[in-house]
């Protein structure tokens, strides 16, 4: 159950987002001020010891670039945490590809991100997009909601007018198909 403070926070976030979309840059500053400290703490819990400010900044850059996809039925802070977590994982993967042995685990720290990493991440994203294009519409929708939006199977079922069991099966089949394509 959402308490009154959480409802007020969500209302303020929605209002700031609308102001920013209308061109008010001060609203963006307010969003950053409201959530930057929590994002920095979360980055620390993910094991980031260096470049915390850079991770937080990159999180906001990604968030503002994708603000049209933000669904106001979720908490803005939760959405920002999801973006930040994915960013940290992407950075770890990029570091691992550069030849450093790094396990992709939330408890490990990241140390860097450069233009080559961005290029490799773009290439990987293109490969995943090509793999997703081969999925059925339902598999693609479930995959997108689960992986990119971080939705639970229950939420996916509600959104798609399906059952949780069906969502799980479609997700499993989509993951297998994407893995097979990427392994080729």
C-alpha atoms as a PDB file:
ATOM      1  CA  UNK A   1       0.000   0.000   0.000  1.00  0.00           C
ATOM      2  CA  UNK A   2       1.287   3.446  -0.880  1.00  0.00           C
ATOM      3  CA  UNK A   3       1.349   5.929   1.985  1.00  0.00           C
ATOM      4  CA  UNK A   4       0.501   9.627   1.715  1.00  0.00           C
ATOM      5  CA  UNK A   5       4.153  10.719   1.478  1.00  0.00           C
ATOM      6  CA  UNK A   6       4.813   8.338  -1.411  1.00  0.00           C
ATOM      7  CA  UNK A   7       1.691   9.617  -3.182  1.00  0.00           C
ATOM      8  CA  UNK A   8       2.848  13.217  -2.723  1.00  0.00           C
ATOM      9  CA  UNK A   9       6.339  12.320  -4.004  1.00  0.00           C
ATOM     10  CA  UNK A  10       4.847  10.574  -7.034  1.00  0.00           C
ATOM     11  CA  UNK A  11       2.583  13.568  -7.751  1.00  0.00           C
ATOM     12  CA  UNK A  12       5.506  15.976  -7.491  1.00  0.00           C
ATOM     13  CA  UNK A  13       7.629  13.790  -9.788  1.00  0.00           C
ATOM     14  CA  UNK A  14       4.813  13.620 -12.369  1.00  0.00           C
ATOM     15  CA  UNK A  15       4.386  17.401 -12.223  1.00  0.00           C
ATOM     16  CA  UNK A  16       8.136  17.974 -12.638  1.00  0.00           C
ATOM     17  CA  UNK A  17       8.258  15.588 -15.586  1.00  0.00           C
ATOM     18  CA  UNK A  18       5.418  17.426 -17.295  1.00  0.00           C
ATOM     19  CA  UNK A  19       7.118  20.780 -16.648  1.00  0.00           C
ATOM     20  CA  UNK A  20      10.383  19.451 -18.093  1.00  0.00           C
ATOM     21  CA  UNK A  21       8.581  18.073 -21.161  1.00  0.00           C
ATOM     22  CA  UNK A  22       7.069  21.545 -21.606  1.00  0.00           C
ATOM     23  CA  UNK A  23      10.576  23.005 -21.750  1.00  0.00           C
ATOM     24  CA  UNK A  24      11.218  24.069 -18.153  1.00  0.00           C
ATOM     25  CA  UNK A  25      14.871  23.170 -17.480  1.00  0.00           C
ATOM     26  CA  UNK A  26      14.477  24.059 -13.815  1.00  0.00           C
ATOM     27  CA  UNK A  27      12.192  21.039 -13.506  1.00  0.00           C
ATOM     28  CA  UNK A  28      15.036  18.804 -14.687  1.00  0.00           C
ATOM     29  CA  UNK A  29      17.288  20.344 -12.046  1.00  0.00           C
ATOM     30  CA  UNK A  30      14.637  19.651  -9.414  1.00  0.00           C
ATOM     31  CA  UNK A  31      14.331  16.013 -10.525  1.00  0.00           C
ATOM     32  CA  UNK A  32      18.096  15.599 -10.274  1.00  0.00           C
ATOM     33  CA  UNK A  33      18.199  17.253  -6.847  1.00  0.00           C
ATOM     34  CA  UNK A  34      15.368  15.031  -5.588  1.00  0.00           C
ATOM     35  CA  UNK A  35      16.931  11.740  -6.668  1.00  0.00           C
ATOM     36  CA  UNK A  36      20.724  12.128  -7.086  1.00  0.00           C
ATOM     37  CA  UNK A  37      21.608  11.304  -3.494  1.00  0.00           C
ATOM     38  CA  UNK A  38      19.499   8.132  -3.485  1.00  0.00           C
ATOM     39  CA  UNK A  39      21.047   7.087  -6.803  1.00  0.00           C
ATOM     40  CA  UNK A  40      24.544   7.632  -5.384  1.00  0.00           C
ATOM     41  CA  UNK A  41      23.702   5.442  -2.369  1.00  0.00           C
ATOM     42  CA  UNK A  42      22.236   2.781  -4.656  1.00  0.00           C
ATOM     43  CA  UNK A  43      25.367   2.851  -6.840  1.00  0.00           C
ATOM     44  CA  UNK A  44      27.391   2.214  -3.705  1.00  0.00           C
ATOM     45  CA  UNK A  45      25.205  -0.765  -2.831  1.00  0.00           C
ATOM     46  CA  UNK A  46      25.837  -2.061  -6.361  1.00  0.00           C
ATOM     47  CA  UNK A  47      29.551  -1.962  -5.599  1.00  0.00           C
ATOM     48  CA  UNK A  48      30.506   1.222  -7.432  1.00  0.00           C
ATOM     49  CA  UNK A  49      33.400   2.804  -5.572  1.00  0.00           C
ATOM     50  CA  UNK A  50      34.900   5.078  -8.236  1.00  0.00           C
ATOM     51  CA  UNK A  51      33.011   7.305 -10.622  1.00  0.00           C
ATOM     52  CA  UNK A  52      29.796   7.319  -8.569  1.00  0.00           C
ATOM     53  CA  UNK A  53      29.010  10.841  -9.779  1.00  0.00           C
ATOM     54  CA  UNK A  54      29.576   9.762 -13.377  1.00  0.00           C
ATOM     55  CA  UNK A  55      27.252   6.764 -12.955  1.00  0.00           C
ATOM     56  CA  UNK A  56      24.568   9.010 -11.448  1.00  0.00           C
ATOM     57  CA  UNK A  57      25.007  11.561 -14.244  1.00  0.00           C
ATOM     58  CA  UNK A  58      24.833   8.869 -16.935  1.00  0.00           C
ATOM     59  CA  UNK A  59      21.697   7.509 -15.280  1.00  0.00           C
ATOM     60  CA  UNK A  60      20.003  10.887 -15.568  1.00  0.00           C
ATOM     61  CA  UNK A  61      21.183  11.295 -19.176  1.00  0.00           C
ATOM     62  CA  UNK A  62      19.617   7.950 -20.089  1.00  0.00           C
ATOM     63  CA  UNK A  63      16.480   8.718 -18.100  1.00  0.00           C
ATOM     64  CA  UNK A  64      15.875  12.099 -19.713  1.00  0.00           C
ATOM     65  CA  UNK A  65      16.515  10.596 -23.151  1.00  0.00           C
ATOM     66  CA  UNK A  66      13.878   7.947 -22.452  1.00  0.00           C
ATOM     67  CA  UNK A  67      11.446  10.036 -20.396  1.00  0.00           C
ATOM     68  CA  UNK A  68       8.650   9.468 -22.918  1.00  0.00           C
ATOM     69  CA  UNK A  69       8.750   5.765 -22.032  1.00  0.00           C
ATOM     70  CA  UNK A  70       8.349   6.437 -18.295  1.00  0.00           C
ATOM     71  CA  UNK A  71       5.033   5.103 -17.077  1.00  0.00           C
ATOM     72  CA  UNK A  72       3.685   7.182 -14.230  1.00  0.00           C
ATOM     73  CA  UNK A  73       2.116   4.116 -12.618  1.00  0.00           C
ATOM     74  CA  UNK A  74       5.610   3.263 -11.357  1.00  0.00           C
ATOM     75  CA  UNK A  75       7.771   5.302  -9.021  1.00  0.00           C
ATOM     76  CA  UNK A  76      10.234   7.584 -10.820  1.00  0.00           C
ATOM     77  CA  UNK A  77      12.916   6.630  -8.313  1.00  0.00           C
ATOM     78  CA  UNK A  78      12.347   2.911  -8.956  1.00  0.00           C
ATOM     79  CA  UNK A  79      12.615   3.557 -12.688  1.00  0.00           C
ATOM     80  CA  UNK A  80      15.837   5.511 -12.148  1.00  0.00           C
ATOM     81  CA  UNK A  81      17.234   2.660 -10.020  1.00  0.00           C
ATOM     82  CA  UNK A  82      16.419   0.236 -12.837  1.00  0.00           C
ATOM     83  CA  UNK A  83      18.266   2.411 -15.352  1.00  0.00           C
ATOM     84  CA  UNK A  84      21.247   2.781 -13.036  1.00  0.00           C
ATOM     85  CA  UNK A  85      21.452  -0.954 -12.362  1.00  0.00           C
ATOM     86  CA  UNK A  86      21.428  -1.706 -16.098  1.00  0.00           C
ATOM     87  CA  UNK A  87      24.089   0.944 -16.653  1.00  0.00           C
ATOM     88  CA  UNK A  88      26.344  -0.610 -14.010  1.00  0.00           C
ATOM     89  CA  UNK A  89      25.870  -4.073 -15.499  1.00  0.00           C
ATOM     90  CA  UNK A  90      26.584  -2.745 -19.009  1.00  0.00           C
ATOM     91  CA  UNK A  91      29.773  -1.127 -17.779  1.00  0.00           C
ATOM     92  CA  UNK A  92      30.902  -4.338 -16.112  1.00  0.00           C
ATOM     93  CA  UNK A  93      30.270  -6.308 -19.268  1.00  0.00           C
ATOM     94  CA  UNK A  94      32.203  -3.775 -21.308  1.00  0.00           C
ATOM     95  CA  UNK A  95      35.120  -3.995 -18.902  1.00  0.00           C
ATOM     96  CA  UNK A  96      35.016  -7.759 -19.099  1.00  0.00           C
ATOM     97  CA  UNK A  97      35.138  -7.641 -22.923  1.00  0.00           C
ATOM     98  CA  UNK A  98      38.279  -5.513 -22.725  1.00  0.00           C
ATOM     99  CA  UNK A  99      40.046  -8.524 -21.267  1.00  0.00           C
ATOM    100  CA  UNK A 100      39.726  -7.896 -17.574  1.00  0.00           C
ATOM    101  CA  UNK A 101      38.220 -10.793 -15.670  1.00  0.00           C
ATOM    102  CA  UNK A 102      35.192  -9.332 -13.954  1.00  0.00           C
ATOM    103  CA  UNK A 103      32.170 -11.284 -12.866  1.00  0.00           C
ATOM    104  CA  UNK A 104      28.867  -9.650 -13.689  1.00  0.00           C
ATOM    105  CA  UNK A 105      27.572  -9.405 -10.172  1.00  0.00           C
ATOM    106  CA  UNK A 106      26.010  -6.505  -8.305  1.00  0.00           C
ATOM    107  CA  UNK A 107      28.554  -6.861  -5.497  1.00  0.00           C
ATOM    108  CA  UNK A 108      31.559  -6.032  -7.695  1.00  0.00           C
ATOM    109  CA  UNK A 109      32.822  -2.551  -8.507  1.00  0.00           C
ATOM    110  CA  UNK A 110      33.219  -1.039 -11.941  1.00  0.00           C
ATOM    111  CA  UNK A 111      36.232   0.982 -12.945  1.00  0.00           C
ATOM    112  CA  UNK A 112      35.668   2.618 -16.289  1.00  0.00           C
ATOM    113  CA  UNK A 113      33.729   3.253 -19.455  1.00  0.00           C
ATOM    114  CA  UNK A 114      35.088   4.658 -22.691  1.00  0.00           C
ATOM    115  CA  UNK A 115      34.136   5.299 -26.322  1.00  0.00           C
ATOM    116  CA  UNK A 116      35.051   1.743 -27.351  1.00  0.00           C
ATOM    117  CA  UNK A 117      32.717   0.422 -24.676  1.00  0.00           C
ATOM    118  CA  UNK A 118      29.937   2.602 -26.039  1.00  0.00           C
ATOM    119  CA  UNK A 119      30.596   1.297 -29.551  1.00  0.00           C
ATOM    120  CA  UNK A 120      30.549  -2.298 -28.333  1.00  0.00           C
ATOM    121  CA  UNK A 121      27.399  -1.683 -26.299  1.00  0.00           C
ATOM    122  CA  UNK A 122      25.733  -0.204 -29.410  1.00  0.00           C
ATOM    123  CA  UNK A 123      26.763  -3.245 -31.436  1.00  0.00           C
ATOM    124  CA  UNK A 124      25.411  -5.576 -28.768  1.00  0.00           C
ATOM    125  CA  UNK A 125      22.169  -3.607 -28.627  1.00  0.00           C
ATOM    126  CA  UNK A 126      21.819  -3.906 -32.412  1.00  0.00           C
ATOM    127  CA  UNK A 127      22.345  -7.675 -32.218  1.00  0.00           C
ATOM    128  CA  UNK A 128      19.712  -7.960 -29.496  1.00  0.00           C
ATOM    129  CA  UNK A 129      17.329  -5.814 -31.580  1.00  0.00           C
ATOM    130  CA  UNK A 130      17.847  -8.127 -34.574  1.00  0.00           C
ATOM    131  CA  UNK A 131      17.210 -11.133 -32.337  1.00  0.00           C
ATOM    132  CA  UNK A 132      14.060  -9.513 -30.952  1.00  0.00           C
ATOM    133  CA  UNK A 133      12.790  -8.822 -34.474  1.00  0.00           C
ATOM    134  CA  UNK A 134      12.657 -12.598 -35.001  1.00  0.00           C
ATOM    135  CA  UNK A 135      10.372 -13.147 -31.990  1.00  0.00           C
ATOM    136  CA  UNK A 136       6.605 -13.424 -32.187  1.00  0.00           C
ATOM    137  CA  UNK A 137       4.778 -10.258 -31.199  1.00  0.00           C
ATOM    138  CA  UNK A 138       3.744 -11.741 -27.841  1.00  0.00           C
ATOM    139  CA  UNK A 139       7.282 -12.945 -27.097  1.00  0.00           C
ATOM    140  CA  UNK A 140       8.673  -9.525 -28.020  1.00  0.00           C
ATOM    141  CA  UNK A 141       6.126  -7.727 -25.829  1.00  0.00           C
ATOM    142  CA  UNK A 142       6.782 -10.002 -22.852  1.00  0.00           C
ATOM    143  CA  UNK A 143      10.559  -9.794 -23.348  1.00  0.00           C
ATOM    144  CA  UNK A 144      10.448  -5.994 -23.547  1.00  0.00           C
ATOM    145  CA  UNK A 145       8.238  -5.623 -20.491  1.00  0.00           C
ATOM    146  CA  UNK A 146      10.335  -8.048 -18.446  1.00  0.00           C
ATOM    147  CA  UNK A 147      13.860  -7.097 -19.512  1.00  0.00           C
ATOM    148  CA  UNK A 148      13.628  -3.445 -20.461  1.00  0.00           C
ATOM    149  CA  UNK A 149      10.807  -2.317 -18.189  1.00  0.00           C
ATOM    150  CA  UNK A 150      11.513  -4.631 -15.238  1.00  0.00           C
ATOM    151  CA  UNK A 151       7.874  -5.654 -14.902  1.00  0.00           C
ATOM    152  CA  UNK A 152       6.759  -8.646 -12.852  1.00  0.00           C
ATOM    153  CA  UNK A 153       5.012 -11.539 -14.558  1.00  0.00           C
ATOM    154  CA  UNK A 154       1.792 -10.459 -12.851  1.00  0.00           C
ATOM    155  CA  UNK A 155       2.097  -6.928 -14.280  1.00  0.00           C
ATOM    156  CA  UNK A 156       2.961  -8.323 -17.720  1.00  0.00           C
ATOM    157  CA  UNK A 157      -0.117 -10.552 -17.640  1.00  0.00           C
ATOM    158  CA  UNK A 158      -2.302  -7.574 -16.708  1.00  0.00           C
ATOM    159  CA  UNK A 159      -0.798  -5.351 -19.398  1.00  0.00           C
ATOM    160  CA  UNK A 160      -1.115  -7.977 -22.133  1.00  0.00           C
ATOM    161  CA  UNK A 161      -4.433  -9.434 -21.011  1.00  0.00           C
ATOM    162  CA  UNK A 162      -2.897 -12.845 -20.391  1.00  0.00           C
ATOM    163  CA  UNK A 163      -2.036 -15.100 -17.468  1.00  0.00           C
ATOM    164  CA  UNK A 164       1.131 -15.163 -15.366  1.00  0.00           C
ATOM    165  CA  UNK A 165       1.865 -18.682 -16.567  1.00  0.00           C
ATOM    166  CA  UNK A 166       1.545 -17.644 -20.184  1.00  0.00           C
ATOM    167  CA  UNK A 167       3.814 -14.645 -19.592  1.00  0.00           C
ATOM    168  CA  UNK A 168       6.441 -16.932 -18.045  1.00  0.00           C
ATOM    169  CA  UNK A 169       6.301 -19.346 -20.984  1.00  0.00           C
ATOM    170  CA  UNK A 170       6.561 -16.552 -23.563  1.00  0.00           C
ATOM    171  CA  UNK A 171       9.469 -15.005 -21.660  1.00  0.00           C
ATOM    172  CA  UNK A 172      11.300 -18.332 -21.418  1.00  0.00           C
ATOM    173  CA  UNK A 173      10.808 -18.983 -25.142  1.00  0.00           C
ATOM    174  CA  UNK A 174      11.907 -15.447 -26.032  1.00  0.00           C
ATOM    175  CA  UNK A 175      15.060 -15.721 -23.906  1.00  0.00           C
ATOM    176  CA  UNK A 176      15.945 -19.053 -25.496  1.00  0.00           C
ATOM    177  CA  UNK A 177      15.412 -17.656 -29.009  1.00  0.00           C
ATOM    178  CA  UNK A 178      17.472 -14.533 -28.273  1.00  0.00           C
ATOM    179  CA  UNK A 179      20.301 -16.607 -26.758  1.00  0.00           C
ATOM    180  CA  UNK A 180      20.314 -18.957 -29.759  1.00  0.00           C
ATOM    181  CA  UNK A 181      20.491 -16.024 -32.168  1.00  0.00           C
ATOM    182  CA  UNK A 182      23.271 -14.340 -30.193  1.00  0.00           C
ATOM    183  CA  UNK A 183      25.239 -17.591 -29.962  1.00  0.00           C
ATOM    184  CA  UNK A 184      25.252 -17.978 -33.768  1.00  0.00           C
END
